[in-house]
Protein backbone atom coordinates (compact mmCIF):
# COMPACT_ATOMS: atom_id res chain seq x y z
CA MET A 1 7.99 -21.49 -4.86
CA LEU A 2 9.22 -22.81 -1.98
CA ASP A 3 6.41 -24.68 -0.55
CA ASP A 4 8.51 -27.36 1.81
CA SER A 5 7.88 -26.64 5.35
CA ASP A 6 12.03 -27.22 5.86
CA ASP A 7 12.08 -24.23 3.64
CA ILE A 8 9.59 -21.33 4.34
CA HIS A 9 9.97 -18.59 6.34
CA PRO A 10 7.82 -18.52 9.58
CA LEU A 11 5.29 -15.96 8.34
CA PHE A 12 4.04 -18.92 5.94
CA HIS A 13 3.99 -21.24 8.62
CA GLY A 14 0.61 -22.77 8.89
CA ALA A 15 -0.27 -21.74 5.48
CA PRO A 16 -2.99 -23.99 3.62
CA GLY A 17 -1.86 -26.53 1.56
CA THR A 18 -4.52 -26.25 -0.75
CA THR A 19 -3.63 -25.51 -4.33
CA LYS A 20 -6.39 -22.70 -4.30
CA PHE A 21 -3.90 -21.21 -1.46
CA LYS A 22 -0.83 -21.64 -3.30
CA LYS A 23 -2.53 -19.57 -6.52
CA LEU A 24 -3.10 -17.13 -4.60
CA ARG A 25 -0.09 -17.06 -2.99
CA LYS A 26 2.41 -17.29 -5.81
CA ARG A 27 -0.24 -14.59 -7.69
CA ILE A 28 0.53 -11.99 -5.13
CA ILE A 29 4.10 -12.39 -4.86
CA ARG A 30 4.68 -12.29 -8.60
CA GLU A 31 2.26 -8.95 -9.03
CA THR A 32 4.24 -7.62 -5.72
CA ARG A 33 7.81 -8.70 -7.97
CA GLU A 34 6.51 -6.97 -10.81
CA ALA A 35 6.06 -4.02 -9.18
CA ILE A 36 9.04 -3.67 -7.23
CA GLU A 37 10.54 -4.28 -10.91
CA ARG A 38 8.73 -2.33 -12.94
CA TYR A 39 8.68 0.83 -11.24
CA GLY A 40 12.41 0.03 -10.18
CA MET A 41 12.21 -0.04 -6.29
CA ILE A 42 15.28 -1.92 -5.63
CA GLU A 43 18.27 -0.24 -4.41
CA ARG A 44 21.20 -3.05 -3.51
CA ASP A 45 22.11 -3.60 -0.06
CA ALA A 46 19.29 -0.31 1.36
CA ARG A 47 17.12 -0.53 4.23
CA TRP A 48 13.58 -0.61 4.03
CA LEU A 49 11.02 0.64 6.75
CA VAL A 50 7.73 -1.70 5.91
CA CYS A 51 4.53 0.07 7.81
CA LEU A 52 2.42 -1.96 9.67
CA SER A 53 -1.06 -0.59 10.74
CA GLY A 54 -2.19 -4.69 11.76
CA GLY A 55 -4.53 -4.82 8.71
CA LYS A 56 -4.75 -6.94 5.99
CA ASP A 57 -3.47 -5.04 3.28
CA SER A 58 0.03 -4.43 5.62
CA TYR A 59 0.64 -8.27 6.65
CA THR A 60 0.24 -9.49 3.30
CA LEU A 61 2.52 -6.52 2.48
CA LEU A 62 5.23 -7.74 4.92
CA ALA A 63 4.53 -12.00 4.09
CA ALA A 64 5.39 -10.81 -0.17
CA LEU A 65 8.35 -8.57 1.00
CA TYR A 66 9.63 -11.85 2.83
CA GLU A 67 8.87 -14.19 0.22
CA LEU A 68 10.71 -11.88 -2.20
CA LYS A 69 13.96 -11.84 0.03
CA TRP A 70 13.43 -15.85 1.12
CA ARG A 71 14.22 -16.34 -2.55
CA GLY A 72 17.38 -13.89 -2.93
CA LEU A 73 15.21 -11.66 -5.02
CA LEU A 74 14.91 -8.59 -2.70
CA PRO A 75 18.28 -7.79 -1.78
CA VAL A 76 17.28 -5.06 0.97
CA ASP A 77 17.25 -5.32 4.91
CA ILE A 78 13.80 -5.14 6.57
CA LEU A 79 12.28 -3.76 9.27
CA ALA A 80 8.92 -3.88 10.18
CA CYS A 81 7.59 -0.52 12.00
CA ASN A 82 4.27 -0.23 13.53
CA LEU A 83 2.88 3.28 14.75
CA ASP A 84 0.82 3.12 17.86
CA GLN A 85 -1.08 6.35 17.30
CA GLY A 86 -2.95 5.72 20.69
CA GLN A 87 -6.65 5.07 19.27
CA PRO A 88 -8.36 3.72 23.11
CA GLY A 89 -8.50 0.47 23.43
CA PHE A 90 -5.18 -0.53 20.38
CA PRO A 91 -4.43 -3.76 21.22
CA ALA A 92 -0.62 -2.79 21.43
CA THR A 93 0.86 -6.55 22.30
CA VAL A 94 -0.76 -8.12 19.10
CA LEU A 95 1.80 -7.27 16.58
CA PRO A 96 4.74 -7.13 18.89
CA THR A 97 3.71 -10.32 19.56
CA PHE A 98 3.29 -11.57 16.07
CA LEU A 99 6.84 -10.10 15.06
CA GLU A 100 8.70 -11.77 17.73
CA GLU A 101 7.32 -15.25 17.24
CA ARG A 102 8.03 -15.08 13.61
CA GLY A 103 11.82 -13.80 14.28
CA VAL A 104 10.37 -10.46 12.02
CA PRO A 105 13.26 -7.33 13.16
CA HIS A 106 10.77 -4.58 13.95
CA ARG A 107 10.35 -1.60 15.85
CA ILE A 108 6.61 -0.21 17.92
CA GLU A 109 6.79 3.23 18.14
CA TYR A 110 3.93 5.32 20.37
CA GLN A 111 2.82 8.50 19.17
CA ASP A 112 -0.90 9.92 20.49
CA THR A 113 -1.94 11.07 17.50
CA TYR A 114 -5.69 10.17 17.74
CA SER A 115 -5.61 13.00 20.84
CA ILE A 116 -4.30 15.77 18.53
CA VAL A 117 -6.90 14.64 15.40
CA LYS A 118 -9.64 14.43 17.54
CA ASP A 119 -9.12 18.13 19.00
CA LYS A 120 -8.38 19.48 15.47
CA VAL A 121 -10.91 17.99 12.94
CA PRO A 122 -14.37 19.51 13.70
CA ALA A 123 -17.13 17.41 14.54
CA GLY A 124 -18.72 15.40 11.43
CA ARG A 125 -15.57 16.15 9.49
CA THR A 126 -13.54 12.80 8.27
CA TYR A 127 -10.37 12.17 10.01
CA CYS A 128 -8.11 10.64 7.39
CA ALA A 129 -6.07 13.43 5.98
CA LEU A 130 -4.70 14.92 9.13
CA CYS A 131 -4.24 11.43 10.67
CA SER A 132 -2.39 10.54 7.48
CA ARG A 133 -0.01 13.77 7.18
CA LEU A 134 0.58 12.96 11.33
CA ARG A 135 1.40 9.65 10.62
CA ARG A 136 3.73 10.16 7.52
CA GLY A 137 5.76 12.70 9.47
CA ASN A 138 6.24 10.04 11.95
CA LEU A 139 7.27 7.27 10.02
CA TYR A 140 9.56 9.85 7.83
CA ARG A 141 11.73 10.23 11.32
CA ILE A 142 11.97 6.84 12.17
CA ALA A 143 12.62 5.88 8.81
CA ARG A 144 16.04 8.51 9.54
CA GLU A 145 16.69 7.16 12.66
CA GLU A 146 16.91 3.61 11.62
CA GLY A 147 19.10 4.48 8.62
CA CYS A 148 16.54 3.85 6.13
CA SER A 149 16.10 4.83 2.64
CA ALA A 150 12.56 3.84 2.00
CA VAL A 151 9.60 3.73 3.52
CA VAL A 152 7.53 0.83 2.24
CA LEU A 153 3.34 1.33 2.58
CA GLY A 154 0.39 -1.66 1.91
CA HIS A 155 -1.72 0.34 -0.68
CA HIS A 156 -3.04 -2.12 -3.32
CA ARG A 157 -4.45 -1.32 -6.83
CA ASP A 158 -7.69 -1.01 -5.05
CA ASP A 159 -6.64 1.91 -2.73
CA ILE A 160 -4.73 3.45 -6.05
CA LEU A 161 -7.88 3.47 -8.48
CA GLU A 162 -9.85 4.91 -5.52
CA THR A 163 -7.93 7.79 -5.06
CA PHE A 164 -7.59 8.68 -8.56
CA PHE A 165 -11.59 8.78 -8.65
CA MET A 166 -11.50 10.54 -5.34
CA ASN A 167 -9.19 13.37 -7.15
CA LEU A 168 -11.45 13.21 -10.49
CA PHE A 169 -14.46 13.71 -8.79
CA HIS A 170 -13.58 16.09 -6.25
CA GLY A 171 -9.88 17.63 -6.83
CA GLY A 172 -10.73 18.33 -10.38
CA ARG A 173 -6.99 16.48 -11.25
CA LEU A 174 -6.14 13.10 -13.21
CA ALA A 175 -3.78 11.82 -10.63
CA THR A 176 -3.25 9.12 -8.13
CA MET A 177 -0.85 6.81 -5.35
CA PRO A 178 2.46 6.88 -7.41
CA PRO A 179 3.96 3.54 -6.32
CA LYS A 180 7.47 5.08 -5.87
CA LEU A 181 8.03 8.98 -5.04
CA VAL A 182 10.12 11.34 -2.81
CA ASN A 183 9.33 12.67 -0.41
CA GLU A 184 8.76 16.43 -0.19
CA GLU A 185 12.43 16.41 1.60
CA GLY A 186 14.05 14.96 -1.02
CA ASP A 187 16.05 12.23 1.27
CA LEU A 188 13.52 9.15 1.47
CA PHE A 189 11.45 7.28 -1.25
CA VAL A 190 7.88 6.19 -0.51
CA TYR A 191 7.34 2.70 -2.14
CA ARG A 192 4.00 1.16 -2.91
CA PRO A 193 4.74 -2.70 -3.85
CA LEU A 194 1.58 -3.95 -3.93
CA ALA A 195 0.48 -1.80 -6.07
CA HIS A 196 -0.67 -4.24 -8.55
CA VAL A 197 -2.28 -6.89 -6.38
CA ALA A 198 -6.01 -6.49 -5.67
CA GLU A 199 -7.76 -6.03 -1.91
CA ALA A 200 -9.73 -8.89 -2.51
CA ASP A 201 -6.23 -11.05 -2.40
CA CYS A 202 -5.08 -9.15 0.25
CA ALA A 203 -8.21 -9.95 1.79
CA ALA A 204 -8.29 -14.04 1.05
CA PHE A 205 -5.02 -14.21 1.93
CA ALA A 206 -4.68 -12.41 4.94
CA ARG A 207 -7.89 -14.47 6.27
CA ALA A 208 -6.23 -18.03 4.79
CA MET A 209 -3.44 -17.28 7.29
CA ASN A 210 -5.44 -16.10 10.17
CA TYR A 211 -3.38 -13.01 10.88
CA PRO A 212 -4.39 -11.52 14.10
CA ILE A 213 -6.45 -7.70 12.54
CA ILE A 214 -6.50 -4.97 13.93
CA PRO A 215 -9.46 -2.67 12.83
CA CYS A 216 -8.87 1.53 12.72
CA ASP A 217 -11.48 2.66 14.85
CA LEU A 218 -10.74 6.29 13.81
CA CYS A 219 -11.69 6.78 10.27
CA GLY A 220 -13.14 3.10 9.40
CA SER A 221 -15.91 4.52 12.38
CA GLN A 222 -17.21 7.13 10.19
CA ASP A 223 -19.94 6.53 7.59
CA GLY A 224 -20.55 8.45 4.35
CA LEU A 225 -16.84 8.62 3.37
CA GLN A 226 -16.06 9.52 -0.13
CA ARG A 227 -13.65 6.95 -0.91
CA GLN A 228 -16.88 4.31 0.47
CA GLN A 229 -18.85 5.88 -2.04
CA ILE A 230 -15.92 5.42 -4.45
CA LYS A 231 -15.31 1.78 -3.55
CA ALA A 232 -19.36 0.94 -3.99
CA MET A 233 -19.71 2.31 -6.98
CA LEU A 234 -16.29 0.34 -8.24
CA ASP A 235 -17.62 -2.77 -6.55
CA GLY A 236 -20.85 -2.36 -9.02
CA TRP A 237 -19.10 -1.78 -12.21
CA GLU A 238 -16.98 -4.89 -11.33
CA ALA A 239 -20.14 -6.89 -10.58
CA ASN A 240 -21.69 -5.53 -13.83
CA SER A 241 -18.59 -5.71 -16.08
CA PRO A 242 -16.40 -8.46 -13.72
CA GLY A 243 -12.70 -7.07 -14.81
CA ARG A 244 -13.49 -3.42 -14.85
CA ARG A 245 -11.55 -2.69 -12.19
CA ASN A 246 -8.18 -4.42 -14.21
CA VAL A 247 -9.14 -2.64 -17.47
CA LEU A 248 -9.32 0.76 -15.19
CA PHE A 249 -6.04 0.24 -13.66
CA ARG A 250 -4.27 -0.58 -16.87
CA ALA A 251 -5.47 2.34 -18.23
CA LEU A 252 -3.32 4.41 -15.65
CA ALA A 253 -0.56 2.79 -16.58
CA THR A 254 -1.23 3.62 -20.29
CA ALA A 255 -1.38 7.27 -20.12
CA ARG A 256 -1.14 9.11 -23.45
CA PRO A 257 -0.33 13.24 -23.05
CA SER A 258 -1.46 13.85 -26.78
CA HIS A 259 -5.07 12.55 -26.00
CA LEU A 260 -5.43 14.63 -22.86
CA LEU A 261 -5.60 18.49 -21.95
CA ASP A 262 -2.92 19.10 -20.33
CA PRO A 263 -0.57 22.07 -22.30
CA ALA A 264 2.23 21.00 -19.33
CA LEU A 265 2.45 17.52 -20.54
CA PHE A 266 2.19 17.86 -24.54
CA ASP A 267 3.41 20.87 -26.72
CA PHE A 268 -0.13 21.32 -28.29
CA ALA A 269 1.06 25.26 -29.40
CA GLY A 270 4.04 23.77 -30.98
CA LEU A 271 2.02 20.57 -32.93
CA THR A 272 3.09 20.96 -36.64
CA ARG A 273 1.67 19.07 -39.85
CA PRO A 274 4.88 17.20 -41.16
CA ASN A 275 3.27 16.68 -44.47
CA THR A 276 2.19 20.12 -45.53
CA GLY A 277 4.05 21.82 -48.61
């Protein structure tokens, strides 16, 4: 790991020199690299649109990708992008200043999706679904305009687990956020390189680096969201059985279609007994 101040990307200037932080940083970089390699995200000389919200996860994502690129392990061009969705009080200068000071190529796009969401979603309902669709559509457009082959998002291991249980409990299906997919139009990849990284590690990393966190005041302002209930459930399991999240995540990566109930995934009707006379 390049820890010498003369051989480090500006994103890491001011990083704590403690052993604890170095272990955290190395773990995040290792797990990010594992996900990129396991799910086949690298297309040599590709260009990635790395999406920044200003939250702890997207800062961690950007830092991890630049660390890998800095070490010659990620042969892609990176363009950071923030979509300013017009939320009242959004500190519009924070991310441009942060990126400019660190020499990170970027694009800041303003689209007032906030007003659309507030207008279309009935009082008392959650904003996340519509907000996400509008944001994703704009990011796809920007990726095409910038000649990018992939939109890269900061969802981590805990987001993937929570989405699995959301689908299980409320959607009646076994599904979650995949680490790699192709959009509906078929012209862009969507990558989640932090798929193996714990949320707690993202939080600890961003806090240690003193990144300027920008909270989401749209969905984050609503209480009682289903996702928050799922998170609380997982927190309880983790408190009672440390390591439970890791076990659950491994289960998602080791599915056995023959031991589930979906005939579209396994040919139950065609199952034979090879040792019958």
